[in-house]
Structure formats: C-alpha cells, structure tokens
Amino acid sequence: MSIRNFEVYGEGHKMIGVSSLWAIFNMKTRRPGALPFDTSYVEQFPELHATHIPNQRIDLNFPTQDIFPQKVQFSDLDIVNHVNNTKYLEWCLNHLDPRLILENKIKAIDVNFIKELSLGEEIHIHRGVLENGNIGFKIQKGEQICFACVFEIRG
C-alpha cells in the first residue's frame, strides 16, 4: 500500500491538502498485490502529511433519510470496465444542495472506495444528515456498500 499526499498552494498559502491510500489490485486473482518491480529508489517523506487527519475508514453505520436509484452507464466506466472513481463522487454531488458548493460551505470530503461497480448494475445512493450536521452518502448494490463519503460542512 502507498499513501500519496498532494498540496496546492496559491500566493504562498496552502489552499488544498489531499491524502490518499492506494493499493495494487491484481486483475487476475482479484486480490491486492505487490508492485512487480523495484521501488526502493523512490524518495519517501513519511513525516510530511497533506491533511491534519490521517486516512481512515468511514463509519458506515450512519442513518440515511433519502434513497436515489442509479444505473451504471457506459460513460461511467474506466479502461478496465469498472466505474471511474470520479463518477461515485459526481453521483453524490448531484444529490447535494448546490448552495453548499457555490457558497463554499464544504470544508472537507472523506471518501472510501470499497467495491467496484460494473456496466448495467442497479445501485442506490443513500443520503443522510449526520448528528454533527455533515452529509454522508453510501452507494449500495443490494446490501453491499460499494462506496461511502462524508461532506464536512463548515459551521
């Protein structure tokens, strides 16, 4: 596994910090795997972090109030015929009040990719307002949660 940190600066000030956890996925065995080449030459900075909170799993037990059906379309797919990772977030954004974005009310977004989705699958997007006022989404295929995200709303 690999943690990748990205930072965007403007006029000398950090504007965005992103931290992501990556795993290699063996397409034949459908299991996590190791890189098939030497990476010892890659410079690492384990003491540097782009975000204040480390990568973590979202607690999937939050209640939801709304459910929206969705069917995976051809334009949702990536090169390996799974839903492109940007589509999950787009689907959730489509069910947010646009004023949250237009009025810069979103402080952070936590995202967990759990299971891939494929062409033609029928899914449901579950939306809920959490006790702290944040907005959570779960994308499910049947009972299986495939994706979750939480939008942290500015107080």
C-alpha atoms as a PDB file:
ATOM      1  CA  MET A   1       0.000   0.000   0.000  1.00  0.00           C
ATOM      2  CA  SER A   2       1.030   3.566  -0.584  1.00  0.00           C
ATOM      3  CA  ILE A   3      -0.037   6.890   0.887  1.00  0.00           C
ATOM      4  CA  ARG A   4       0.100   9.808  -1.518  1.00  0.00           C
ATOM      5  CA  ASN A   5      -0.115  13.388  -0.310  1.00  0.00           C
ATOM      6  CA  PHE A   6      -0.880  16.342  -2.549  1.00  0.00           C
ATOM      7  CA  GLU A   7      -0.914  20.035  -1.702  1.00  0.00           C
ATOM      8  CA  VAL A   8      -1.986  23.032  -3.790  1.00  0.00           C
ATOM      9  CA  TYR A   9      -0.582  26.469  -2.956  1.00  0.00           C
ATOM     10  CA  GLY A  10      -1.706  29.886  -4.122  1.00  0.00           C
ATOM     11  CA  GLU A  11       0.097  33.117  -3.267  1.00  0.00           C
ATOM     12  CA  GLY A  12       2.266  31.240  -0.772  1.00  0.00           C
ATOM     13  CA  HIS A  13      -0.664  29.767   1.180  1.00  0.00           C
ATOM     14  CA  LYS A  14      -1.837  26.167   1.214  1.00  0.00           C
ATOM     15  CA  MET A  15      -5.283  26.071  -0.369  1.00  0.00           C
ATOM     16  CA  ILE A  16      -5.906  22.318  -0.649  1.00  0.00           C
ATOM     17  CA  GLY A  17      -4.466  19.239   1.043  1.00  0.00           C
ATOM     18  CA  VAL A  18      -5.300  15.729  -0.173  1.00  0.00           C
ATOM     19  CA  SER A  19      -4.134  12.424   1.254  1.00  0.00           C
ATOM     20  CA  SER A  20      -4.934   9.131  -0.467  1.00  0.00           C
ATOM     21  CA  LEU A  21      -4.227   5.497   0.347  1.00  0.00           C
ATOM     22  CA  TRP A  22      -3.519   3.297  -2.668  1.00  0.00           C
ATOM     23  CA  ALA A  23      -3.333  -0.454  -3.089  1.00  0.00           C
ATOM     24  CA  ILE A  24      -2.236  -2.561  -6.058  1.00  0.00           C
ATOM     25  CA  PHE A  25      -5.024  -4.778  -7.356  1.00  0.00           C
ATOM     26  CA  ASN A  26      -4.206  -7.978  -9.261  1.00  0.00           C
ATOM     27  CA  MET A  27      -6.812  -8.220 -12.025  1.00  0.00           C
ATOM     28  CA  LYS A  28      -6.329 -11.995 -12.450  1.00  0.00           C
ATOM     29  CA  THR A  29      -6.641 -13.020  -8.804  1.00  0.00           C
ATOM     30  CA  ARG A  30      -8.963 -10.085  -7.914  1.00  0.00           C
ATOM     31  CA  ARG A  31      -6.895  -9.587  -4.749  1.00  0.00           C
ATOM     32  CA  PRO A  32      -4.429  -6.941  -3.511  1.00  0.00           C
ATOM     33  CA  GLY A  33      -0.880  -7.486  -4.683  1.00  0.00           C
ATOM     34  CA  ALA A  34       2.628  -6.028  -4.716  1.00  0.00           C
ATOM     35  CA  LEU A  35       4.263  -3.923  -7.418  1.00  0.00           C
ATOM     36  CA  PRO A  36       6.096  -6.263  -9.831  1.00  0.00           C
ATOM     37  CA  PHE A  37       9.238  -4.066  -9.887  1.00  0.00           C
ATOM     38  CA  ASP A  38      11.758  -2.472  -7.528  1.00  0.00           C
ATOM     39  CA  THR A  39      10.639   0.817  -5.945  1.00  0.00           C
ATOM     40  CA  SER A  40      13.481   1.260  -3.470  1.00  0.00           C
ATOM     41  CA  TYR A  41      14.798   4.253  -5.437  1.00  0.00           C
ATOM     42  CA  VAL A  42      11.609   6.276  -4.787  1.00  0.00           C
ATOM     43  CA  GLU A  43      12.212   9.116  -2.348  1.00  0.00           C
ATOM     44  CA  GLN A  44       9.805   8.987   0.591  1.00  0.00           C
ATOM     45  CA  PHE A  45       8.761  11.601   3.127  1.00  0.00           C
ATOM     46  CA  PRO A  46       6.841   9.733   5.868  1.00  0.00           C
ATOM     47  CA  GLU A  47       6.958  12.727   8.242  1.00  0.00           C
ATOM     48  CA  LEU A  48       5.073  15.009   5.820  1.00  0.00           C
ATOM     49  CA  HIS A  49       1.260  14.959   5.728  1.00  0.00           C
ATOM     50  CA  ALA A  50      -1.072  16.943   3.463  1.00  0.00           C
ATOM     51  CA  THR A  51      -4.005  16.770   5.887  1.00  0.00           C
ATOM     52  CA  HIS A  52      -4.431  17.101   9.647  1.00  0.00           C
ATOM     53  CA  ILE A  53      -6.450  13.877   9.873  1.00  0.00           C
ATOM     54  CA  PRO A  54      -4.863  10.639   8.567  1.00  0.00           C
ATOM     55  CA  ASN A  55      -6.594   8.261   6.169  1.00  0.00           C
ATOM     56  CA  GLN A  56      -9.381   6.430   7.935  1.00  0.00           C
ATOM     57  CA  ARG A  57     -12.396   4.287   7.253  1.00  0.00           C
ATOM     58  CA  ILE A  58     -15.766   5.963   7.351  1.00  0.00           C
ATOM     59  CA  ASP A  59     -18.164   4.561   9.954  1.00  0.00           C
ATOM     60  CA  LEU A  60     -20.787   3.074   7.634  1.00  0.00           C
ATOM     61  CA  ASN A  61     -23.480   2.846  10.311  1.00  0.00           C
ATOM     62  CA  PHE A  62     -24.839   6.366   9.852  1.00  0.00           C
ATOM     63  CA  PRO A  63     -28.588   6.646   9.189  1.00  0.00           C
ATOM     64  CA  THR A  64     -29.837   7.808   5.812  1.00  0.00           C
ATOM     65  CA  GLN A  65     -33.050   9.644   5.024  1.00  0.00           C
ATOM     66  CA  ASP A  66     -33.109   9.615   1.205  1.00  0.00           C
ATOM     67  CA  ILE A  67     -32.508   6.944  -1.436  1.00  0.00           C
ATOM     68  CA  PHE A  68     -31.907   7.617  -5.145  1.00  0.00           C
ATOM     69  CA  PRO A  69     -31.780   4.829  -7.777  1.00  0.00           C
ATOM     70  CA  GLN A  70     -28.966   4.847 -10.341  1.00  0.00           C
ATOM     71  CA  LYS A  71     -27.924   2.508 -13.136  1.00  0.00           C
ATOM     72  CA  VAL A  72     -24.265   2.279 -14.202  1.00  0.00           C
ATOM     73  CA  GLN A  73     -23.944   3.611 -17.770  1.00  0.00           C
ATOM     74  CA  PHE A  74     -21.211   3.005 -20.362  1.00  0.00           C
ATOM     75  CA  SER A  75     -19.875   6.574 -19.924  1.00  0.00           C
ATOM     76  CA  ASP A  76     -19.306   5.818 -16.198  1.00  0.00           C
ATOM     77  CA  LEU A  77     -16.613   3.209 -16.966  1.00  0.00           C
ATOM     78  CA  ASP A  78     -12.824   3.381 -16.920  1.00  0.00           C
ATOM     79  CA  ILE A  79     -10.307   1.443 -19.016  1.00  0.00           C
ATOM     80  CA  VAL A  80     -10.793  -1.803 -17.010  1.00  0.00           C
ATOM     81  CA  ASN A  81     -14.605  -1.598 -17.322  1.00  0.00           C
ATOM     82  CA  HIS A  82     -15.251  -0.549 -13.734  1.00  0.00           C
ATOM     83  CA  VAL A  83     -16.908   2.688 -12.687  1.00  0.00           C
ATOM     84  CA  ASN A  84     -14.343   5.508 -12.841  1.00  0.00           C
ATOM     85  CA  ASN A  85     -13.579   6.783  -9.323  1.00  0.00           C
ATOM     86  CA  THR A  86     -14.742  10.307 -10.201  1.00  0.00           C
ATOM     87  CA  LYS A  87     -18.251   9.065 -11.036  1.00  0.00           C
ATOM     88  CA  TYR A  88     -19.031   7.957  -7.457  1.00  0.00           C
ATOM     89  CA  LEU A  89     -18.392  11.473  -6.190  1.00  0.00           C
ATOM     90  CA  GLU A  90     -20.293  13.042  -9.119  1.00  0.00           C
ATOM     91  CA  TRP A  91     -23.337  10.890  -8.309  1.00  0.00           C
ATOM     92  CA  CYS A  92     -23.245  12.132  -4.713  1.00  0.00           C
ATOM     93  CA  LEU A  93     -22.692  15.764  -5.719  1.00  0.00           C
ATOM     94  CA  ASN A  94     -25.814  15.536  -7.885  1.00  0.00           C
ATOM     95  CA  HIS A  95     -27.804  14.979  -4.679  1.00  0.00           C
ATOM     96  CA  LEU A  96     -26.324  17.875  -2.683  1.00  0.00           C
ATOM     97  CA  ASP A  97     -27.835  21.321  -2.366  1.00  0.00           C
ATOM     98  CA  PRO A  98     -25.786  23.338  -4.934  1.00  0.00           C
ATOM     99  CA  ARG A  99     -25.584  26.259  -2.482  1.00  0.00           C
ATOM    100  CA  LEU A 100     -23.223  24.182  -0.320  1.00  0.00           C
ATOM    101  CA  ILE A 101     -20.690  24.273  -3.146  1.00  0.00           C
ATOM    102  CA  LEU A 102     -21.467  27.703  -4.580  1.00  0.00           C
ATOM    103  CA  GLU A 103     -21.260  29.325  -1.127  1.00  0.00           C
ATOM    104  CA  ASN A 104     -18.067  27.411  -0.196  1.00  0.00           C
ATOM    105  CA  LYS A 105     -19.702  25.563   2.714  1.00  0.00           C
ATOM    106  CA  ILE A 106     -17.798  22.277   2.235  1.00  0.00           C
ATOM    107  CA  LYS A 107     -14.723  22.116   4.457  1.00  0.00           C
ATOM    108  CA  ALA A 108     -13.560  18.577   3.614  1.00  0.00           C
ATOM    109  CA  ILE A 109     -14.656  15.369   1.886  1.00  0.00           C
ATOM    110  CA  ASP A 110     -13.778  11.913   3.222  1.00  0.00           C
ATOM    111  CA  VAL A 111     -14.055   9.170   0.589  1.00  0.00           C
ATOM    112  CA  ASN A 112     -13.858   5.359   0.855  1.00  0.00           C
ATOM    113  CA  PHE A 113     -13.883   3.147  -2.253  1.00  0.00           C
ATOM    114  CA  ILE A 114     -14.962  -0.306  -1.072  1.00  0.00           C
ATOM    115  CA  LYS A 115     -16.031  -2.446  -4.047  1.00  0.00           C
ATOM    116  CA  GLU A 116     -16.007  -1.823  -7.789  1.00  0.00           C
ATOM    117  CA  LEU A 117     -19.155  -1.478  -9.860  1.00  0.00           C
ATOM    118  CA  SER A 118     -19.710  -2.545 -13.481  1.00  0.00           C
ATOM    119  CA  LEU A 119     -21.839  -1.701 -16.501  1.00  0.00           C
ATOM    120  CA  GLY A 120     -25.580  -2.115 -16.109  1.00  0.00           C
ATOM    121  CA  GLU A 121     -25.597  -2.651 -12.357  1.00  0.00           C
ATOM    122  CA  GLU A 122     -28.545  -1.204 -10.479  1.00  0.00           C
ATOM    123  CA  ILE A 123     -27.417   0.740  -7.420  1.00  0.00           C
ATOM    124  CA  HIS A 124     -28.914   3.037  -4.806  1.00  0.00           C
ATOM    125  CA  ILE A 125     -27.405   6.237  -3.477  1.00  0.00           C
ATOM    126  CA  HIS A 126     -28.292   6.696   0.197  1.00  0.00           C
ATOM    127  CA  ARG A 127     -28.013  10.198   1.672  1.00  0.00           C
ATOM    128  CA  GLY A 128     -28.148  11.155   5.318  1.00  0.00           C
ATOM    129  CA  VAL A 129     -27.545  14.140   7.553  1.00  0.00           C
ATOM    130  CA  LEU A 130     -25.287  13.139  10.431  1.00  0.00           C
ATOM    131  CA  GLU A 131     -25.685  14.304  14.031  1.00  0.00           C
ATOM    132  CA  ASN A 132     -22.848  16.827  13.597  1.00  0.00           C
ATOM    133  CA  GLY A 133     -24.517  18.385  10.528  1.00  0.00           C
ATOM    134  CA  ASN A 134     -22.240  16.713   7.991  1.00  0.00           C
ATOM    135  CA  ILE A 135     -23.778  14.933   4.997  1.00  0.00           C
ATOM    136  CA  GLY A 136     -22.998  11.275   4.338  1.00  0.00           C
ATOM    137  CA  PHE A 137     -23.550   9.133   1.275  1.00  0.00           C
ATOM    138  CA  LYS A 138     -23.430   5.379   0.786  1.00  0.00           C
ATOM    139  CA  ILE A 139     -23.668   3.771  -2.646  1.00  0.00           C
ATOM    140  CA  GLN A 140     -25.058   0.259  -2.449  1.00  0.00           C
ATOM    141  CA  LYS A 141     -25.618  -2.648  -4.812  1.00  0.00           C
ATOM    142  CA  GLY A 142     -28.228  -4.673  -2.966  1.00  0.00           C
ATOM    143  CA  GLU A 143     -26.986  -4.897   0.625  1.00  0.00           C
ATOM    144  CA  GLN A 144     -23.294  -4.404  -0.344  1.00  0.00           C
ATOM    145  CA  ILE A 145     -21.905  -0.925   0.315  1.00  0.00           C
ATOM    146  CA  CYS A 146     -19.519  -0.130  -2.560  1.00  0.00           C
ATOM    147  CA  PHE A 147     -18.644   3.480  -1.765  1.00  0.00           C
ATOM    148  CA  ALA A 148     -19.068   5.950   1.082  1.00  0.00           C
ATOM    149  CA  CYS A 149     -18.276   9.619   1.511  1.00  0.00           C
ATOM    150  CA  VAL A 150     -18.892  12.309   4.097  1.00  0.00           C
ATOM    151  CA  PHE A 151     -19.031  16.007   3.273  1.00  0.00           C
ATOM    152  CA  GLU A 152     -17.801  18.033   6.247  1.00  0.00           C
ATOM    153  CA  ILE A 153     -19.888  21.194   6.334  1.00  0.00           C
ATOM    154  CA  ARG A 154     -18.463  24.462   7.680  1.00  0.00           C
ATOM    155  CA  GLY A 155     -20.147  25.556  10.924  1.00  0.00           C
END
